[in-house]
Amino acid sequence: MAAESYDPRRGTVSSWLITLVRSRAIDCLRSRRVRRAGLETNVDDVVTLRDSRPGPELMSVEAGRSRAVRKALGDPSQDQREAI
């Protein structure tokens, strides 16, 4: 609201300002409530999401297994190569 919207026939400046501030405060609270409701819905969706990547512990175990397999297959004989 702009100052031009003030009409002295409808009340005092202070009552107009109080009404203006009250209306803005109510609008702000309603806006926050709507945003908060949207965030709560989004949080519920995020809780069900899971990271499909392996964690650091599993990656470490898999790296150890990989090293063991490479070491075991380091220099196989010709017969072993054909079997693999």
PDB file of N, CA and C in Angstrom:
ATOM      1  N   MET A   1       0.831  -1.181   0.000  1.00  0.00           N
ATOM      2  CA  MET A   1       0.000   0.000   0.000  1.00  0.00           C
ATOM      3  C   MET A   1       0.873   1.241   0.000  1.00  0.00           C
ATOM      4  N   ALA A   2       0.416   2.200  -0.727  1.00  0.00           N
ATOM      5  CA  ALA A   2       1.155   3.457  -0.814  1.00  0.00           C
ATOM      6  C   ALA A   2       0.461   4.516   0.044  1.00  0.00           C
ATOM      7  N   ALA A   3       1.191   5.546   0.330  1.00  0.00           N
ATOM      8  CA  ALA A   3       0.651   6.634   1.152  1.00  0.00           C
ATOM      9  C   ALA A   3      -0.594   7.244   0.508  1.00  0.00           C
ATOM     10  N   GLU A   4      -0.674   7.185  -0.814  1.00  0.00           N
ATOM     11  CA  GLU A   4      -1.835   7.741  -1.506  1.00  0.00           C
ATOM     12  C   GLU A   4      -3.124   6.991  -1.169  1.00  0.00           C
ATOM     13  N   SER A   5      -2.998   5.776  -0.650  1.00  0.00           N
ATOM     14  CA  SER A   5      -4.203   5.003  -0.330  1.00  0.00           C
ATOM     15  C   SER A   5      -4.845   5.438   0.984  1.00  0.00           C
ATOM     16  N   TYR A   6      -4.163   6.274   1.745  1.00  0.00           N
ATOM     17  CA  TYR A   6      -4.736   6.752   3.014  1.00  0.00           C
ATOM     18  C   TYR A   6      -5.895   7.707   2.735  1.00  0.00           C
ATOM     19  N   ASP A   7      -7.005   7.433   3.406  1.00  0.00           N
ATOM     20  CA  ASP A   7      -8.194   8.281   3.273  1.00  0.00           C
ATOM     21  C   ASP A   7      -8.556   8.793   4.665  1.00  0.00           C
ATOM     22  N   PRO A   8      -8.374  10.084   4.930  1.00  0.00           N
ATOM     23  CA  PRO A   8      -8.635  10.630   6.268  1.00  0.00           C
ATOM     24  C   PRO A   8     -10.093  10.473   6.700  1.00  0.00           C
ATOM     25  N   ARG A   9     -11.010  10.288   5.769  1.00  0.00           N
ATOM     26  CA  ARG A   9     -12.417  10.102   6.136  1.00  0.00           C
ATOM     27  C   ARG A   9     -12.661   8.733   6.767  1.00  0.00           C
ATOM     28  N   ARG A  10     -11.748   7.800   6.542  1.00  0.00           N
ATOM     29  CA  ARG A  10     -11.940   6.432   7.042  1.00  0.00           C
ATOM     30  C   ARG A  10     -11.273   6.209   8.396  1.00  0.00           C
ATOM     31  N   GLY A  11     -10.441   7.103   8.866  1.00  0.00           N
ATOM     32  CA  GLY A  11      -9.803   6.940  10.163  1.00  0.00           C
ATOM     33  C   GLY A  11      -8.523   7.738  10.269  1.00  0.00           C
ATOM     34  N   THR A  12      -7.847   7.561  11.400  1.00  0.00           N
ATOM     35  CA  THR A  12      -6.612   8.301  11.650  1.00  0.00           C
ATOM     36  C   THR A  12      -5.436   7.640  10.947  1.00  0.00           C
ATOM     37  N   VAL A  13      -4.356   8.394  10.842  1.00  0.00           N
ATOM     38  CA  VAL A  13      -3.129   7.867  10.230  1.00  0.00           C
ATOM     39  C   VAL A  13      -2.629   6.666  11.025  1.00  0.00           C
ATOM     40  N   SER A  14      -2.653   6.759  12.348  1.00  0.00           N
ATOM     41  CA  SER A  14      -2.144   5.651  13.166  1.00  0.00           C
ATOM     42  C   SER A  14      -2.988   4.389  12.976  1.00  0.00           C
ATOM     43  N   SER A  15      -4.294   4.502  12.886  1.00  0.00           N
ATOM     44  CA  SER A  15      -5.117   3.306  12.670  1.00  0.00           C
ATOM     45  C   SER A  15      -4.870   2.730  11.277  1.00  0.00           C
ATOM     46  N   TRP A  16      -4.655   3.605  10.285  1.00  0.00           N
ATOM     47  CA  TRP A  16      -4.339   3.134   8.934  1.00  0.00           C
ATOM     48  C   TRP A  16      -3.010   2.391   8.923  1.00  0.00           C
ATOM     49  N   LEU A  17      -2.010   2.948   9.620  1.00  0.00           N
ATOM     50  CA  LEU A  17      -0.699   2.292   9.686  1.00  0.00           C
ATOM     51  C   LEU A  17      -0.775   0.956  10.416  1.00  0.00           C
ATOM     52  N   ILE A  18      -1.528   0.916  11.517  1.00  0.00           N
ATOM     53  CA  ILE A  18      -1.666  -0.337  12.272  1.00  0.00           C
ATOM     54  C   ILE A  18      -2.333  -1.401  11.408  1.00  0.00           C
ATOM     55  N   THR A  19      -3.354  -1.017  10.680  1.00  0.00           N
ATOM     56  CA  THR A  19      -4.042  -1.954   9.783  1.00  0.00           C
ATOM     57  C   THR A  19      -3.100  -2.427   8.686  1.00  0.00           C
ATOM     58  N   LEU A  20      -2.334  -1.512   8.152  1.00  0.00           N
ATOM     59  CA  LEU A  20      -1.364  -1.849   7.112  1.00  0.00           C
ATOM     60  C   LEU A  20      -0.333  -2.855   7.626  1.00  0.00           C
ATOM     61  N   VAL A  21       0.236  -2.569   8.778  1.00  0.00           N
ATOM     62  CA  VAL A  21       1.252  -3.450   9.366  1.00  0.00           C
ATOM     63  C   VAL A  21       0.647  -4.807   9.704  1.00  0.00           C
ATOM     64  N   ARG A  22      -0.547  -4.813  10.258  1.00  0.00           N
ATOM     65  CA  ARG A  22      -1.220  -6.071  10.610  1.00  0.00           C
ATOM     66  C   ARG A  22      -1.440  -6.933   9.361  1.00  0.00           C
ATOM     67  N   SER A  23      -1.922  -6.295   8.299  1.00  0.00           N
ATOM     68  CA  SER A  23      -2.168  -7.034   7.052  1.00  0.00           C
ATOM     69  C   SER A  23      -0.878  -7.618   6.492  1.00  0.00           C
ATOM     70  N   ARG A  24       0.192  -6.841   6.501  1.00  0.00           N
ATOM     71  CA  ARG A  24       1.486  -7.342   6.008  1.00  0.00           C
ATOM     72  C   ARG A  24       1.995  -8.496   6.873  1.00  0.00           C
ATOM     73  N   ALA A  25       1.822  -8.391   8.189  1.00  0.00           N
ATOM     74  CA  ALA A  25       2.273  -9.448   9.096  1.00  0.00           C
ATOM     75  C   ALA A  25       1.502 -10.740   8.843  1.00  0.00           C
ATOM     76  N   ILE A  26       0.188 -10.627   8.655  1.00  0.00           N
ATOM     77  CA  ILE A  26      -0.636 -11.810   8.374  1.00  0.00           C
ATOM     78  C   ILE A  26      -0.210 -12.431   7.049  1.00  0.00           C
ATOM     79  N   ASP A  27       0.016 -11.615   6.033  1.00  0.00           N
ATOM     80  CA  ASP A  27       0.481 -12.130   4.740  1.00  0.00           C
ATOM     81  C   ASP A  27       1.807 -12.859   4.879  1.00  0.00           C
ATOM     82  N   CYS A  28       2.700 -12.289   5.658  1.00  0.00           N
ATOM     83  CA  CYS A  28       4.018 -12.900   5.876  1.00  0.00           C
ATOM     84  C   CYS A  28       3.880 -14.249   6.576  1.00  0.00           C
ATOM     85  N   LEU A  29       3.059 -14.310   7.614  1.00  0.00           N
ATOM     86  CA  LEU A  29       2.855 -15.571   8.336  1.00  0.00           C
ATOM     87  C   LEU A  29       2.228 -16.637   7.445  1.00  0.00           C
ATOM     88  N   ARG A  30       1.256 -16.242   6.649  1.00  0.00           N
ATOM     89  CA  ARG A  30       0.620 -17.198   5.736  1.00  0.00           C
ATOM     90  C   ARG A  30       1.622 -17.718   4.717  1.00  0.00           C
ATOM     91  N   SER A  31       2.451 -16.831   4.221  1.00  0.00           N
ATOM     92  CA  SER A  31       3.468 -17.230   3.251  1.00  0.00           C
ATOM     93  C   SER A  31       4.453 -18.217   3.873  1.00  0.00           C
ATOM     94  N   ARG A  32       4.879 -17.936   5.087  1.00  0.00           N
ATOM     95  CA  ARG A  32       5.798 -18.854   5.784  1.00  0.00           C
ATOM     96  C   ARG A  32       5.155 -20.208   6.004  1.00  0.00           C
ATOM     97  N   ARG A  33       3.891 -20.201   6.380  1.00  0.00           N
ATOM     98  CA  ARG A  33       3.180 -21.451   6.640  1.00  0.00           C
ATOM     99  C   ARG A  33       3.118 -22.301   5.373  1.00  0.00           C
ATOM    100  N   VAL A  34       2.844 -21.666   4.253  1.00  0.00           N
ATOM    101  CA  VAL A  34       2.779 -22.393   2.987  1.00  0.00           C
ATOM    102  C   VAL A  34       4.151 -22.951   2.630  1.00  0.00           C
ATOM    103  N   ARG A  35       5.202 -22.124   2.775  1.00  0.00           N
ATOM    104  CA  ARG A  35       6.558 -22.605   2.474  1.00  0.00           C
ATOM    105  C   ARG A  35       6.969 -23.732   3.400  1.00  0.00           C
ATOM    106  N   ARG A  36       6.639 -23.592   4.688  1.00  0.00           N
ATOM    107  CA  ARG A  36       7.000 -24.613   5.665  1.00  0.00           C
ATOM    108  C   ARG A  36       6.289 -25.922   5.349  1.00  0.00           C
ATOM    109  N   ALA A  37       5.028 -25.851   4.965  1.00  0.00           N
ATOM    110  CA  ALA A  37       4.285 -27.060   4.607  1.00  0.00           C
ATOM    111  C   ALA A  37       4.944 -27.743   3.419  1.00  0.00           C
ATOM    112  N   GLY A  38       5.403 -26.952   2.448  1.00  0.00           N
ATOM    113  CA  GLY A  38       6.104 -27.518   1.298  1.00  0.00           C
ATOM    114  C   GLY A  38       7.412 -28.154   1.701  1.00  0.00           C
ATOM    115  N   LEU A  39       8.127 -27.533   2.622  1.00  0.00           N
ATOM    116  CA  LEU A  39       9.397 -28.095   3.087  1.00  0.00           C
ATOM    117  C   LEU A  39       9.178 -29.392   3.842  1.00  0.00           C
ATOM    118  N   GLU A  40       8.146 -29.441   4.671  1.00  0.00           N
ATOM    119  CA  GLU A  40       7.868 -30.667   5.417  1.00  0.00           C
ATOM    120  C   GLU A  40       7.547 -31.812   4.471  1.00  0.00           C
ATOM    121  N   THR A  41       6.816 -31.536   3.418  1.00  0.00           N
ATOM    122  CA  THR A  41       6.522 -32.564   2.427  1.00  0.00           C
ATOM    123  C   THR A  41       7.809 -33.019   1.765  1.00  0.00           C
ATOM    124  N   ASN A  42       8.663 -32.067   1.393  1.00  0.00           N
ATOM    125  CA  ASN A  42       9.929 -32.418   0.759  1.00  0.00           C
ATOM    126  C   ASN A  42      10.828 -33.209   1.695  1.00  0.00           C
ATOM    127  N   VAL A  43      10.849 -32.884   2.974  1.00  0.00           N
ATOM    128  CA  VAL A  43      11.663 -33.618   3.938  1.00  0.00           C
ATOM    129  C   VAL A  43      11.182 -35.064   4.016  1.00  0.00           C
ATOM    130  N   ASP A  44       9.882 -35.264   4.007  1.00  0.00           N
ATOM    131  CA  ASP A  44       9.349 -36.629   4.038  1.00  0.00           C
ATOM    132  C   ASP A  44       9.809 -37.414   2.815  1.00  0.00           C
ATOM    133  N   ASP A  45       9.875 -36.769   1.656  1.00  0.00           N
ATOM    134  CA  ASP A  45      10.346 -37.440   0.451  1.00  0.00           C
ATOM    135  C   ASP A  45      11.827 -37.770   0.552  1.00  0.00           C
ATOM    136  N   VAL A  46      12.618 -36.883   1.118  1.00  0.00           N
ATOM    137  CA  VAL A  46      14.062 -37.084   1.217  1.00  0.00           C
ATOM    138  C   VAL A  46      14.390 -38.242   2.144  1.00  0.00           C
ATOM    139  N   VAL A  47      13.605 -38.422   3.192  1.00  0.00           N
ATOM    140  CA  VAL A  47      13.865 -39.496   4.146  1.00  0.00           C
ATOM    141  C   VAL A  47      13.816 -40.854   3.457  1.00  0.00           C
ATOM    142  N   THR A  48      12.970 -40.998   2.435  1.00  0.00           N
ATOM    143  CA  THR A  48      12.848 -42.278   1.761  1.00  0.00           C
ATOM    144  C   THR A  48      13.932 -42.499   0.710  1.00  0.00           C
ATOM    145  N   LEU A  49      14.676 -41.465   0.360  1.00  0.00           N
ATOM    146  CA  LEU A  49      15.744 -41.606  -0.619  1.00  0.00           C
ATOM    147  C   LEU A  49      16.956 -42.270   0.017  1.00  0.00           C
ATOM    148  N   ARG A  50      17.629 -43.049  -0.757  1.00  0.00           N
ATOM    149  CA  ARG A  50      18.837 -43.709  -0.263  1.00  0.00           C
ATOM    150  C   ARG A  50      19.956 -43.500  -1.270  1.00  0.00           C
ATOM    151  N   ASP A  51      21.157 -43.400  -0.752  1.00  0.00           N
ATOM    152  CA  ASP A  51      22.329 -43.252  -1.604  1.00  0.00           C
ATOM    153  C   ASP A  51      22.699 -44.634  -2.126  1.00  0.00           C
ATOM    154  N   SER A  52      22.714 -44.790  -3.439  1.00  0.00           N
ATOM    155  CA  SER A  52      23.002 -46.097  -4.031  1.00  0.00           C
ATOM    156  C   SER A  52      24.501 -46.392  -4.103  1.00  0.00           C
ATOM    157  N   ARG A  53      25.323 -45.380  -3.825  1.00  0.00           N
ATOM    158  CA  ARG A  53      26.768 -45.598  -3.880  1.00  0.00           C
ATOM    159  C   ARG A  53      27.235 -46.373  -2.651  1.00  0.00           C
ATOM    160  N   PRO A  54      28.267 -47.209  -2.821  1.00  0.00           N
ATOM    161  CA  PRO A  54      28.786 -47.930  -1.652  1.00  0.00           C
ATOM    162  C   PRO A  54      29.473 -46.974  -0.680  1.00  0.00           C
ATOM    163  N   GLY A  55      29.389 -47.305   0.589  1.00  0.00           N
ATOM    164  CA  GLY A  55      30.025 -46.484   1.613  1.00  0.00           C
ATOM    165  C   GLY A  55      31.520 -46.719   1.650  1.00  0.00           C
ATOM    166  N   PRO A  56      32.252 -45.947   2.427  1.00  0.00           N
ATOM    167  CA  PRO A  56      33.712 -46.072   2.477  1.00  0.00           C
ATOM    168  C   PRO A  56      34.179 -47.437   2.979  1.00  0.00           C
ATOM    169  N   GLU A  57      33.442 -48.017   3.923  1.00  0.00           N
ATOM    170  CA  GLU A  57      33.847 -49.329   4.443  1.00  0.00           C
ATOM    171  C   GLU A  57      33.758 -50.389   3.358  1.00  0.00           C
ATOM    172  N   LEU A  58      32.649 -50.419   2.631  1.00  0.00           N
ATOM    173  CA  LEU A  58      32.471 -51.395   1.560  1.00  0.00           C
ATOM    174  C   LEU A  58      33.498 -51.171   0.449  1.00  0.00           C
ATOM    175  N   MET A  59      33.773 -49.919   0.125  1.00  0.00           N
ATOM    176  CA  MET A  59      34.771 -49.631  -0.905  1.00  0.00           C
ATOM    177  C   MET A  59      36.144 -50.139  -0.494  1.00  0.00           C
ATOM    178  N   SER A  60      36.482 -50.026   0.780  1.00  0.00           N
ATOM    179  CA  SER A  60      37.765 -50.504   1.272  1.00  0.00           C
ATOM    180  C   SER A  60      37.851 -52.026   1.172  1.00  0.00           C
ATOM    181  N   VAL A  61      36.779 -52.712   1.559  1.00  0.00           N
ATOM    182  CA  VAL A  61      36.753 -54.175   1.476  1.00  0.00           C
ATOM    183  C   VAL A  61      36.888 -54.625   0.032  1.00  0.00           C
ATOM    184  N   GLU A  62      36.141 -53.962  -0.867  1.00  0.00           N
ATOM    185  CA  GLU A  62      36.205 -54.337  -2.283  1.00  0.00           C
ATOM    186  C   GLU A  62      37.580 -54.065  -2.880  1.00  0.00           C
ATOM    187  N   ALA A  63      38.231 -52.989  -2.464  1.00  0.00           N
ATOM    188  CA  ALA A  63      39.577 -52.685  -2.958  1.00  0.00           C
ATOM    189  C   ALA A  63      40.550 -53.762  -2.489  1.00  0.00           C
ATOM    190  N   GLY A  64      40.416 -54.217  -1.257  1.00  0.00           N
ATOM    191  CA  GLY A  64      41.282 -55.286  -0.748  1.00  0.00           C
ATOM    192  C   GLY A  64      41.088 -56.583  -1.520  1.00  0.00           C
ATOM    193  N   ARG A  65      39.844 -56.912  -1.807  1.00  0.00           N
ATOM    194  CA  ARG A  65      39.560 -58.126  -2.594  1.00  0.00           C
ATOM    195  C   ARG A  65      40.140 -57.996  -3.994  1.00  0.00           C
ATOM    196  N   SER A  66      39.994 -56.825  -4.575  1.00  0.00           N
ATOM    197  CA  SER A  66      40.513 -56.593  -5.923  1.00  0.00           C
ATOM    198  C   SER A  66      42.033 -56.778  -5.963  1.00  0.00           C
ATOM    199  N   ARG A  67      42.723 -56.236  -4.951  1.00  0.00           N
ATOM    200  CA  ARG A  67      44.184 -56.411  -4.881  1.00  0.00           C
ATOM    201  C   ARG A  67      44.552 -57.888  -4.737  1.00  0.00           C
ATOM    202  N   ALA A  68      43.792 -58.618  -3.912  1.00  0.00           N
ATOM    203  CA  ALA A  68      44.089 -60.039  -3.701  1.00  0.00           C
ATOM    204  C   ALA A  68      43.891 -60.828  -4.988  1.00  0.00           C
ATOM    205  N   VAL A  69      42.851 -60.522  -5.736  1.00  0.00           N
ATOM    206  CA  VAL A  69      42.593 -61.232  -6.995  1.00  0.00           C
ATOM    207  C   VAL A  69      43.689 -60.912  -8.007  1.00  0.00           C
ATOM    208  N   ARG A  70      44.072 -59.616  -8.118  1.00  0.00           N
ATOM    209  CA  ARG A  70      45.141 -59.248  -9.049  1.00  0.00           C
ATOM    210  C   ARG A  70      46.458 -59.931  -8.690  1.00  0.00           C
ATOM    211  N   LYS A  71      46.742 -60.026  -7.398  1.00  0.00           N
ATOM    212  CA  LYS A  71      47.979 -60.664  -6.958  1.00  0.00           C
ATOM    213  C   LYS A  71      47.948 -62.160  -7.283  1.00  0.00           C
ATOM    214  N   ALA A  72      46.792 -62.791  -7.050  1.00  0.00           N
ATOM    215  CA  ALA A  72      46.663 -64.222  -7.333  1.00  0.00           C
ATOM    216  C   ALA A  72      46.765 -64.514  -8.827  1.00  0.00           C
ATOM    217  N   LEU A  73      46.289 -63.565  -9.641  1.00  0.00           N
ATOM    218  CA  LEU A  73      46.327 -63.768 -11.090  1.00  0.00           C
ATOM    219  C   LEU A  73      47.533 -63.082 -11.726  1.00  0.00           C
ATOM    220  N   GLY A  74      48.482 -62.686 -10.902  1.00  0.00           N
ATOM    221  CA  GLY A  74      49.634 -61.914 -11.388  1.00  0.00           C
ATOM    222  C   GLY A  74      50.367 -62.546 -12.545  1.00  0.00           C
ATOM    223  N   ASP A  75      50.726 -63.795 -12.441  1.00  0.00           N
ATOM    224  CA  ASP A  75      51.500 -64.444 -13.505  1.00  0.00           C
ATOM    225  C   ASP A  75      51.047 -65.891 -13.635  1.00  0.00           C
ATOM    226  N   PRO A  76      49.828 -66.118 -14.172  1.00  0.00           N
ATOM    227  CA  PRO A  76      49.355 -67.496 -14.290  1.00  0.00           C
ATOM    228  C   PRO A  76      50.084 -68.228 -15.422  1.00  0.00           C
ATOM    229  N   SER A  77      50.131 -69.556 -15.285  1.00  0.00           N
ATOM    230  CA  SER A  77      50.740 -70.367 -16.338  1.00  0.00           C
ATOM    231  C   SER A  77      49.819 -70.359 -17.556  1.00  0.00           C
ATOM    232  N   GLN A  78      50.319 -70.905 -18.653  1.00  0.00           N
ATOM    233  CA  GLN A  78      49.528 -70.961 -19.876  1.00  0.00           C
ATOM    234  C   GLN A  78      48.246 -71.754 -19.667  1.00  0.00           C
ATOM    235  N   ASP A  79      48.319 -72.877 -18.973  1.00  0.00           N
ATOM    236  CA  ASP A  79      47.137 -73.699 -18.704  1.00  0.00           C
ATOM    237  C   ASP A  79      46.109 -72.913 -17.883  1.00  0.00           C
ATOM    238  N   GLN A  80      46.603 -72.148 -16.905  1.00  0.00           N
ATOM    239  CA  GLN A  80      45.695 -71.352 -16.071  1.00  0.00           C
ATOM    240  C   GLN A  80      45.032 -70.241 -16.878  1.00  0.00           C
ATOM    241  N   ARG A  81      45.818 -69.626 -17.784  1.00  0.00           N
ATOM    242  CA  ARG A  81      45.249 -68.581 -18.626  1.00  0.00           C
ATOM    243  C   ARG A  81      44.131 -69.124 -19.501  1.00  0.00           C
ATOM    244  N   GLU A  82      44.346 -70.313 -20.048  1.00  0.00           N
ATOM    245  CA  GLU A  82      43.316 -70.911 -20.913  1.00  0.00           C
ATOM    246  C   GLU A  82      42.080 -71.260 -20.115  1.00  0.00           C
ATOM    247  N   ALA A  83      42.254 -71.708 -18.888  1.00  0.00           N
ATOM    248  CA  ALA A  83      41.106 -72.061 -18.054  1.00  0.00           C
ATOM    249  C   ALA A  83      40.296 -70.812 -17.673  1.00  0.00           C
ATOM    250  N   ILE A  84      40.991 -69.733 -17.453  1.00  0.00           N
ATOM    251  CA  ILE A  84      40.313 -68.470 -17.096  1.00  0.00           C
ATOM    252  C   ILE A  84      39.629 -67.915 -18.307  1.00  0.00           C
TER     253      ILE A  84
END
